[in-house]
N, C-alpha and C. Protein backbone atom coordinates (compact mmCIF):
# COMPACT_ATOMS: atom_id res chain seq x y z
N MET A 1 1.46 -1.12 0.03
CA MET A 1 -0.09 -0.20 0.14
C MET A 1 0.66 1.25 -0.30
N LEU A 2 0.34 1.44 -0.81
CA LEU A 2 1.42 3.64 -1.08
C LEU A 2 1.02 4.86 0.46
N ASP A 3 1.99 5.07 0.90
CA ASP A 3 1.63 6.27 1.77
C ASP A 3 2.15 7.84 1.47
N PHE A 4 1.54 7.87 1.41
CA PHE A 4 1.09 9.34 0.20
C PHE A 4 2.09 10.46 1.22
N ASN A 5 2.25 10.14 2.65
CA ASN A 5 3.20 11.33 3.32
C ASN A 5 4.27 10.75 2.78
N GLU A 6 4.68 9.07 2.72
CA GLU A 6 5.79 8.84 2.28
C GLU A 6 6.67 9.87 0.75
N LEU A 7 5.34 9.45 0.06
CA LEU A 7 5.79 10.28 -1.19
C LEU A 7 5.86 11.38 -1.45
N ARG A 8 5.10 12.24 -0.93
CA ARG A 8 5.62 13.75 -0.62
C ARG A 8 6.37 13.65 -0.10
N GLU A 9 7.13 13.17 1.07
CA GLU A 9 8.70 13.10 1.78
C GLU A 9 9.33 12.91 0.20
N LEU A 10 9.56 11.88 -0.98
CA LEU A 10 10.45 11.11 -1.43
C LEU A 10 10.11 12.41 -2.51
N ALA A 11 9.18 13.51 -2.72
CA ALA A 11 9.16 14.06 -3.85
C ALA A 11 10.12 15.39 -3.60
N ALA A 12 9.82 16.20 -2.26
CA ALA A 12 10.22 17.03 -1.67
C ALA A 12 12.17 16.33 -1.49
N ASP A 13 12.52 15.71 -1.29
CA ASP A 13 13.54 15.44 -1.39
C ASP A 13 14.27 15.41 -2.53
N VAL A 14 14.07 15.00 -3.84
CA VAL A 14 13.86 15.28 -5.51
C VAL A 14 14.00 16.59 -5.91
N ARG A 15 13.46 17.01 -5.10
CA ARG A 15 12.74 18.72 -5.58
C ARG A 15 14.40 19.14 -5.51
N VAL A 16 14.63 19.06 -4.09
CA VAL A 16 15.98 20.09 -3.23
C VAL A 16 16.82 19.28 -4.13
N PHE A 17 17.38 17.79 -4.65
CA PHE A 17 18.40 17.34 -5.26
C PHE A 17 19.07 17.99 -6.37
N VAL A 18 17.16 18.28 -7.46
CA VAL A 18 17.07 18.87 -8.80
C VAL A 18 17.39 20.39 -8.52
N ASP A 19 16.51 21.37 -7.24
CA ASP A 19 17.06 22.38 -7.63
C ASP A 19 18.24 23.10 -7.08
N ILE A 20 19.27 21.85 -6.46
CA ILE A 20 20.90 22.54 -6.31
C ILE A 20 21.43 22.10 -7.05
N ALA A 21 21.14 20.92 -7.97
CA ALA A 21 21.96 20.50 -9.23
C ALA A 21 22.17 21.27 -10.75
N GLU A 22 23.57 21.77 -10.79
CA GLU A 22 23.65 22.87 -11.60
C GLU A 22 23.06 22.53 -13.39
N ASP A 23 23.18 21.15 -13.65
CA ASP A 23 22.32 20.74 -14.91
C ASP A 23 20.80 19.52 -13.99
N LYS A 24 19.89 20.83 -14.23
CA LYS A 24 18.54 20.13 -13.51
C LYS A 24 18.29 19.05 -14.36
N ALA A 25 18.04 19.47 -15.56
CA ALA A 25 17.63 17.99 -16.56
C ALA A 25 18.06 16.39 -16.46
N GLU A 26 19.89 17.08 -16.34
CA GLU A 26 20.73 15.38 -15.99
C GLU A 26 20.70 14.77 -14.27
N ALA A 27 20.51 15.79 -13.52
CA ALA A 27 19.51 15.40 -12.23
C ALA A 27 18.58 14.70 -12.13
N LEU A 28 17.24 15.25 -13.11
CA LEU A 28 16.35 14.75 -13.11
C LEU A 28 16.40 12.72 -13.97
N ARG A 29 17.29 13.15 -14.63
CA ARG A 29 17.33 12.16 -15.45
C ARG A 29 18.00 10.70 -14.61
N ALA A 30 18.81 11.27 -13.97
CA ALA A 30 19.38 10.76 -12.80
C ALA A 30 18.66 10.52 -11.77
N VAL A 31 17.73 11.13 -10.93
CA VAL A 31 17.19 10.28 -10.47
C VAL A 31 16.04 9.23 -10.87
N ILE A 32 15.36 9.38 -11.71
CA ILE A 32 14.08 8.66 -13.04
C ILE A 32 15.36 7.40 -12.94
N ALA A 33 16.33 7.11 -13.78
CA ALA A 33 17.55 5.97 -13.69
C ALA A 33 17.72 5.27 -12.43
N ALA A 34 18.00 5.95 -11.41
CA ALA A 34 18.18 5.46 -9.99
C ALA A 34 16.96 5.01 -9.34
N TYR A 35 16.23 4.25 -9.83
CA TYR A 35 15.32 3.70 -8.73
C TYR A 35 14.14 2.73 -9.97
N ASP A 36 14.07 1.39 -9.10
CA ASP A 36 13.16 0.79 -10.06
C ASP A 36 11.36 1.84 -10.44
N VAL A 37 10.53 2.33 -9.88
CA VAL A 37 9.68 2.59 -9.21
C VAL A 37 10.05 4.46 -9.77
N VAL A 38 9.02 4.69 -10.28
CA VAL A 38 9.28 6.42 -10.05
C VAL A 38 7.64 7.30 -10.17
N LEU A 39 7.15 7.93 -9.16
CA LEU A 39 6.00 7.87 -9.39
C LEU A 39 5.90 9.55 -9.18
N ALA A 40 5.08 9.96 -10.14
CA ALA A 40 4.66 11.55 -10.31
C ALA A 40 3.26 11.93 -9.84
N ILE A 41 3.63 12.68 -8.61
CA ILE A 41 2.56 12.93 -7.65
C ILE A 41 2.35 13.85 -7.87
N PHE A 42 0.52 14.69 -7.95
CA PHE A 42 0.33 15.98 -8.74
C PHE A 42 -1.18 15.90 -7.39
N PRO A 43 -1.88 17.67 -7.59
CA PRO A 43 -2.85 18.05 -6.76
C PRO A 43 -3.95 17.71 -7.93
N SER A 44 -5.33 16.93 -7.02
CA SER A 44 -6.26 16.85 -7.85
C SER A 44 -7.37 17.19 -7.57
N GLN A 45 -8.75 17.11 -7.85
CA GLN A 45 -9.42 16.86 -7.13
C GLN A 45 -10.14 15.98 -5.95
N GLN A 46 -9.45 14.58 -6.07
CA GLN A 46 -9.12 13.75 -5.19
C GLN A 46 -8.38 14.08 -4.26
N GLY A 47 -7.91 14.64 -4.22
CA GLY A 47 -6.55 14.80 -3.25
C GLY A 47 -5.67 15.13 -3.67
N THR A 48 -4.49 13.87 -4.20
CA THR A 48 -3.27 14.24 -4.35
C THR A 48 -3.82 12.65 -5.74
N GLY A 49 -2.99 12.62 -6.79
CA GLY A 49 -3.17 12.59 -8.05
C GLY A 49 -2.07 11.28 -8.39
N LEU A 50 -2.26 10.45 -8.92
CA LEU A 50 -0.42 9.25 -9.14
C LEU A 50 -0.36 9.27 -10.61
N HIS A 51 0.72 8.97 -11.22
CA HIS A 51 1.26 8.71 -12.27
C HIS A 51 2.62 8.06 -12.57
N VAL A 52 2.41 6.89 -12.99
CA VAL A 52 4.12 6.00 -13.02
C VAL A 52 4.60 6.66 -14.39
N ILE A 53 6.22 7.10 -13.70
CA ILE A 53 6.64 7.26 -14.83
C ILE A 53 7.87 6.01 -15.38
N LYS A 54 7.60 5.26 -14.15
CA LYS A 54 8.66 4.28 -14.55
C LYS A 54 8.25 3.06 -13.65
N GLY A 55 8.27 2.05 -14.00
CA GLY A 55 8.18 0.79 -13.36
C GLY A 55 6.87 0.16 -13.31
N SER A 56 5.86 0.78 -14.12
CA SER A 56 4.35 0.02 -14.38
C SER A 56 4.35 -1.39 -14.29
N GLN A 57 5.33 -2.12 -15.19
CA GLN A 57 5.29 -3.51 -15.21
C GLN A 57 5.60 -3.96 -13.92
N ILE A 58 6.15 -3.56 -13.05
CA ILE A 58 7.19 -3.90 -11.93
C ILE A 58 5.77 -4.19 -10.65
N LEU A 59 4.83 -2.95 -11.33
CA LEU A 59 3.93 -2.72 -10.24
C LEU A 59 3.05 -3.55 -10.74
N ASP A 60 2.51 -3.93 -12.06
CA ASP A 60 1.21 -4.92 -12.53
C ASP A 60 1.68 -6.19 -11.97
N LYS A 61 3.00 -6.47 -12.16
CA LYS A 61 3.10 -7.85 -11.44
C LYS A 61 3.10 -8.67 -10.26
N ILE A 62 3.73 -7.02 -9.14
CA ILE A 62 3.46 -7.32 -7.73
C ILE A 62 1.99 -7.51 -7.46
N ALA A 63 1.28 -6.41 -8.26
CA ALA A 63 -0.44 -6.88 -8.09
C ALA A 63 -1.10 -7.58 -8.80
N ASN A 64 -0.08 -8.29 -9.53
CA ASN A 64 -1.11 -9.79 -10.43
C ASN A 64 -1.16 -11.16 -9.09
N SER A 65 0.88 -11.17 -8.59
CA SER A 65 0.77 -12.34 -7.69
C SER A 65 0.86 -12.13 -6.70
N ARG A 66 0.74 -11.12 -6.23
CA ARG A 66 -0.13 -10.60 -4.63
C ARG A 66 1.10 -11.29 -3.94
N THR A 67 2.10 -11.00 -4.14
CA THR A 67 3.46 -10.57 -3.53
C THR A 67 3.96 -9.82 -3.08
N HIS A 68 5.30 -9.41 -2.50
CA HIS A 68 5.68 -8.45 -1.76
C HIS A 68 7.01 -8.23 -2.01
N ALA A 69 7.32 -8.27 -3.35
CA ALA A 69 8.52 -7.80 -4.09
C ALA A 69 9.45 -7.03 -3.09
N SER A 70 10.81 -7.12 -3.69
CA SER A 70 10.94 -5.68 -2.95
C SER A 70 11.33 -4.27 -4.47
N TYR A 71 11.48 -3.47 -4.26
CA TYR A 71 11.91 -2.96 -5.17
C TYR A 71 11.57 -1.57 -4.92
N SER A 72 13.09 -0.73 -5.36
CA SER A 72 13.38 1.00 -4.83
C SER A 72 12.04 1.85 -5.57
N HIS A 73 11.58 2.92 -4.82
CA HIS A 73 10.67 3.66 -5.30
C HIS A 73 11.32 5.41 -4.89
N THR A 74 10.74 6.02 -6.06
CA THR A 74 10.85 7.64 -5.32
C THR A 74 9.80 8.34 -6.05
N ALA A 75 9.46 9.44 -5.69
CA ALA A 75 8.66 10.37 -6.68
C ALA A 75 8.87 11.57 -6.91
N ILE A 76 8.34 12.17 -8.12
CA ILE A 76 8.58 13.48 -8.42
C ILE A 76 6.70 14.43 -8.43
N ALA A 77 7.24 15.46 -7.87
CA ALA A 77 6.33 16.55 -7.75
C ALA A 77 6.05 17.00 -8.56
N VAL A 78 4.56 16.73 -9.51
CA VAL A 78 4.49 17.65 -10.98
C VAL A 78 3.49 18.66 -10.64
N PRO A 79 2.47 19.44 -11.40
CA PRO A 79 1.38 20.30 -11.33
C PRO A 79 0.32 19.84 -11.64
N ASP A 80 0.45 18.85 -12.39
CA ASP A 80 -0.70 18.28 -13.40
C ASP A 80 -0.06 16.67 -13.94
N LEU A 81 -1.28 15.92 -14.23
CA LEU A 81 -1.35 14.95 -15.21
C LEU A 81 -0.54 15.43 -16.25
N GLU A 82 -0.81 16.10 -16.93
CA GLU A 82 -0.05 16.42 -18.45
C GLU A 82 1.58 16.67 -18.13
N HIS A 83 1.73 16.95 -16.82
CA HIS A 83 3.39 17.23 -16.93
C HIS A 83 3.72 15.71 -16.62
N ALA A 84 2.98 15.17 -15.90
CA ALA A 84 3.48 13.56 -15.36
C ALA A 84 3.67 12.94 -16.64
N GLU A 85 2.62 12.47 -17.72
CA GLU A 85 2.47 12.04 -18.99
C GLU A 85 4.12 12.70 -19.99
N VAL A 86 4.21 14.04 -19.79
CA VAL A 86 5.06 14.42 -20.82
C VAL A 86 5.92 13.88 -20.09
N LEU A 87 6.55 14.09 -18.64
CA LEU A 87 7.98 13.60 -17.95
C LEU A 87 8.01 11.78 -18.55
N LYS A 88 7.38 11.08 -17.89
CA LYS A 88 7.19 10.07 -18.82
C LYS A 88 7.92 9.24 -20.43
N LEU A 89 7.09 10.55 -20.80
CA LEU A 89 7.47 10.43 -22.85
C LEU A 89 9.02 10.88 -22.63
N LEU A 90 9.14 11.53 -21.92
CA LEU A 90 10.46 12.23 -22.38
C LEU A 90 12.05 12.09 -21.88
N THR A 91 11.19 10.68 -20.83
CA THR A 91 12.31 10.14 -19.65
C THR A 91 12.21 8.54 -20.45
N ALA A 92 12.03 8.27 -21.57
CA ALA A 92 11.49 7.00 -21.28
C ALA A 92 12.78 6.48 -22.97
N PRO A 93 12.75 5.13 -22.82
CA PRO A 93 14.24 4.68 -23.57
C PRO A 93 13.74 5.14 -25.11
N ALA A 94 14.92 5.81 -25.82
CA ALA A 94 14.56 6.66 -26.81
C ALA A 94 13.53 5.39 -28.02
N GLU A 95 13.60 4.03 -27.86
CA GLU A 95 12.65 3.44 -28.39
C GLU A 95 11.34 3.48 -28.83
N GLN A 96 11.27 3.49 -27.44
CA GLN A 96 9.85 3.76 -27.05
C GLN A 96 9.47 5.62 -27.15
N ARG A 97 10.21 6.15 -26.85
CA ARG A 97 10.26 7.52 -27.33
C ARG A 97 9.84 7.32 -29.03
N ILE A 98 10.19 6.71 -29.91
CA ILE A 98 9.90 6.76 -31.13
C ILE A 98 8.94 6.30 -32.03
N ALA A 99 8.35 5.28 -31.00
CA ALA A 99 6.96 4.35 -31.17
C ALA A 99 5.52 4.82 -30.70
N ALA A 100 6.25 6.37 -29.74
CA ALA A 100 5.02 7.25 -29.05
C ALA A 100 4.80 7.87 -30.49
């Protein structure tokens, strides 16, 4: 089960890491590359919205097998779902970007 407070704290840590980096785009790419699962969190009418940027296959496998597999995860705060979708597209492997 996801803990939204934990995700907010992770997103705050990522924000600080990116803010202090000289190359913010490279810092964001490094964060996404470092984790198995990366979630975008954003404000929504229901409270907090989530969008999987990386690791949807891992989450699907866990959900379908009902196991408690171990994986690393983090969160990135974005203003809305559209930004989350664009971030996912921009950070996907080149083959997936070309297919899209």
